[in-house]
């Protein structure tokens, strides 16, 4: 099943191609990841218990999310209609 929203299919039928261009791609993503990693490292050096607890919470949430996707707990709007 295609995950492309219907509005883009309508644009393609009219002969229009939808292209989203990001200025300076991929530099904004690289800068964001670098700043995030620097903040995590600074947090681990300054308050390792609190930063470790936050990282454990994120890891647990990601694990539950991917387990739920595999077991079918979550259904996206495009899959249900």
C-alpha atoms as a PDB file:
ATOM      1  CA  UNK A   1       0.000   0.000   0.000  1.00  0.00           C
ATOM      2  CA  UNK A   2       1.355   3.417  -0.931  1.00  0.00           C
ATOM      3  CA  UNK A   3       2.046   5.785   1.948  1.00  0.00           C
ATOM      4  CA  UNK A   4       1.833   8.884  -0.237  1.00  0.00           C
ATOM      5  CA  UNK A   5      -1.068  11.131   0.797  1.00  0.00           C
ATOM      6  CA  UNK A   6      -3.947  11.462  -1.675  1.00  0.00           C
ATOM      7  CA  UNK A   7      -3.330  15.139  -2.370  1.00  0.00           C
ATOM      8  CA  UNK A   8       0.033  14.313  -3.940  1.00  0.00           C
ATOM      9  CA  UNK A   9      -1.606  11.727  -6.190  1.00  0.00           C
ATOM     10  CA  UNK A  10      -4.017  14.444  -7.362  1.00  0.00           C
ATOM     11  CA  UNK A  11      -1.064  16.697  -8.171  1.00  0.00           C
ATOM     12  CA  UNK A  12       0.634  13.914 -10.123  1.00  0.00           C
ATOM     13  CA  UNK A  13      -2.539  13.289 -12.166  1.00  0.00           C
ATOM     14  CA  UNK A  14      -2.425  16.939 -13.223  1.00  0.00           C
ATOM     15  CA  UNK A  15       1.180  16.506 -14.317  1.00  0.00           C
ATOM     16  CA  UNK A  16       2.605  18.384 -11.344  1.00  0.00           C
ATOM     17  CA  UNK A  17       5.493  16.945  -9.369  1.00  0.00           C
ATOM     18  CA  UNK A  18       5.707  17.871  -5.716  1.00  0.00           C
ATOM     19  CA  UNK A  19       9.294  18.513  -4.700  1.00  0.00           C
ATOM     20  CA  UNK A  20      10.282  19.939  -1.356  1.00  0.00           C
ATOM     21  CA  UNK A  21      13.693  21.562  -1.376  1.00  0.00           C
ATOM     22  CA  UNK A  22      15.563  22.403   1.803  1.00  0.00           C
ATOM     23  CA  UNK A  23      18.110  25.217   1.642  1.00  0.00           C
ATOM     24  CA  UNK A  24      21.695  24.073   2.290  1.00  0.00           C
ATOM     25  CA  UNK A  25      20.629  20.440   2.661  1.00  0.00           C
ATOM     26  CA  UNK A  26      22.032  18.488   4.602  1.00  0.00           C
ATOM     27  CA  UNK A  27      23.827  21.177   6.645  1.00  0.00           C
ATOM     28  CA  UNK A  28      20.873  22.079   8.948  1.00  0.00           C
ATOM     29  CA  UNK A  29      20.493  18.421   9.950  1.00  0.00           C
ATOM     30  CA  UNK A  30      24.239  18.030  10.544  1.00  0.00           C
ATOM     31  CA  UNK A  31      24.341  21.200  12.672  1.00  0.00           C
ATOM     32  CA  UNK A  32      21.290  20.044  14.679  1.00  0.00           C
ATOM     33  CA  UNK A  33      22.817  16.611  15.334  1.00  0.00           C
ATOM     34  CA  UNK A  34      26.132  18.197  16.339  1.00  0.00           C
ATOM     35  CA  UNK A  35      24.492  20.600  18.804  1.00  0.00           C
ATOM     36  CA  UNK A  36      22.350  17.803  20.232  1.00  0.00           C
ATOM     37  CA  UNK A  37      25.375  15.537  20.736  1.00  0.00           C
ATOM     38  CA  UNK A  38      27.306  18.391  22.373  1.00  0.00           C
ATOM     39  CA  UNK A  39      24.399  19.018  24.757  1.00  0.00           C
ATOM     40  CA  UNK A  40      24.178  15.310  25.638  1.00  0.00           C
ATOM     41  CA  UNK A  41      27.927  15.072  26.274  1.00  0.00           C
ATOM     42  CA  UNK A  42      27.847  18.236  28.382  1.00  0.00           C
ATOM     43  CA  UNK A  43      24.895  16.826  30.322  1.00  0.00           C
ATOM     44  CA  UNK A  44      26.637  13.505  30.886  1.00  0.00           C
ATOM     45  CA  UNK A  45      29.737  15.288  32.215  1.00  0.00           C
ATOM     46  CA  UNK A  46      27.782  17.722  34.406  1.00  0.00           C
ATOM     47  CA  UNK A  47      24.914  15.590  35.718  1.00  0.00           C
ATOM     48  CA  UNK A  48      25.389  11.977  34.625  1.00  0.00           C
ATOM     49  CA  UNK A  49      22.518  10.566  36.699  1.00  0.00           C
ATOM     50  CA  UNK A  50      19.904  12.964  35.324  1.00  0.00           C
ATOM     51  CA  UNK A  51      21.150  12.741  31.746  1.00  0.00           C
ATOM     52  CA  UNK A  52      21.378   8.952  31.960  1.00  0.00           C
ATOM     53  CA  UNK A  53      17.817   8.795  33.284  1.00  0.00           C
ATOM     54  CA  UNK A  54      16.626  10.957  30.389  1.00  0.00           C
ATOM     55  CA  UNK A  55      18.459   8.764  27.893  1.00  0.00           C
ATOM     56  CA  UNK A  56      16.992   5.619  29.486  1.00  0.00           C
ATOM     57  CA  UNK A  57      13.501   7.133  29.252  1.00  0.00           C
ATOM     58  CA  UNK A  58      13.994   7.904  25.552  1.00  0.00           C
ATOM     59  CA  UNK A  59      15.337   4.409  24.894  1.00  0.00           C
ATOM     60  CA  UNK A  60      12.427   2.786  26.738  1.00  0.00           C
ATOM     61  CA  UNK A  61       9.904   4.901  24.823  1.00  0.00           C
ATOM     62  CA  UNK A  62      11.528   4.041  21.492  1.00  0.00           C
ATOM     63  CA  UNK A  63      11.530   0.358  22.414  1.00  0.00           C
ATOM     64  CA  UNK A  64       7.841   0.416  23.314  1.00  0.00           C
ATOM     65  CA  UNK A  65       7.044   2.287  20.092  1.00  0.00           C
ATOM     66  CA  UNK A  66       8.846  -0.192  17.824  1.00  0.00           C
ATOM     67  CA  UNK A  67       7.465  -3.186  19.725  1.00  0.00           C
ATOM     68  CA  UNK A  68       3.968  -1.716  19.429  1.00  0.00           C
ATOM     69  CA  UNK A  69       4.396  -1.164  15.679  1.00  0.00           C
ATOM     70  CA  UNK A  70       5.524  -4.763  15.248  1.00  0.00           C
ATOM     71  CA  UNK A  71       2.610  -6.099  17.311  1.00  0.00           C
ATOM     72  CA  UNK A  72       0.063  -3.844  15.582  1.00  0.00           C
ATOM     73  CA  UNK A  73      -0.771  -1.654  18.580  1.00  0.00           C
ATOM     74  CA  UNK A  74      -0.580   1.510  16.477  1.00  0.00           C
ATOM     75  CA  UNK A  75      -2.480   2.065  13.247  1.00  0.00           C
ATOM     76  CA  UNK A  76      -1.758   5.135  11.163  1.00  0.00           C
ATOM     77  CA  UNK A  77      -4.577   7.144   9.625  1.00  0.00           C
ATOM     78  CA  UNK A  78      -3.610   6.099   6.096  1.00  0.00           C
ATOM     79  CA  UNK A  79      -3.666   2.392   7.020  1.00  0.00           C
ATOM     80  CA  UNK A  80      -7.066   2.552   8.724  1.00  0.00           C
ATOM     81  CA  UNK A  81      -8.985   4.262   5.918  1.00  0.00           C
END
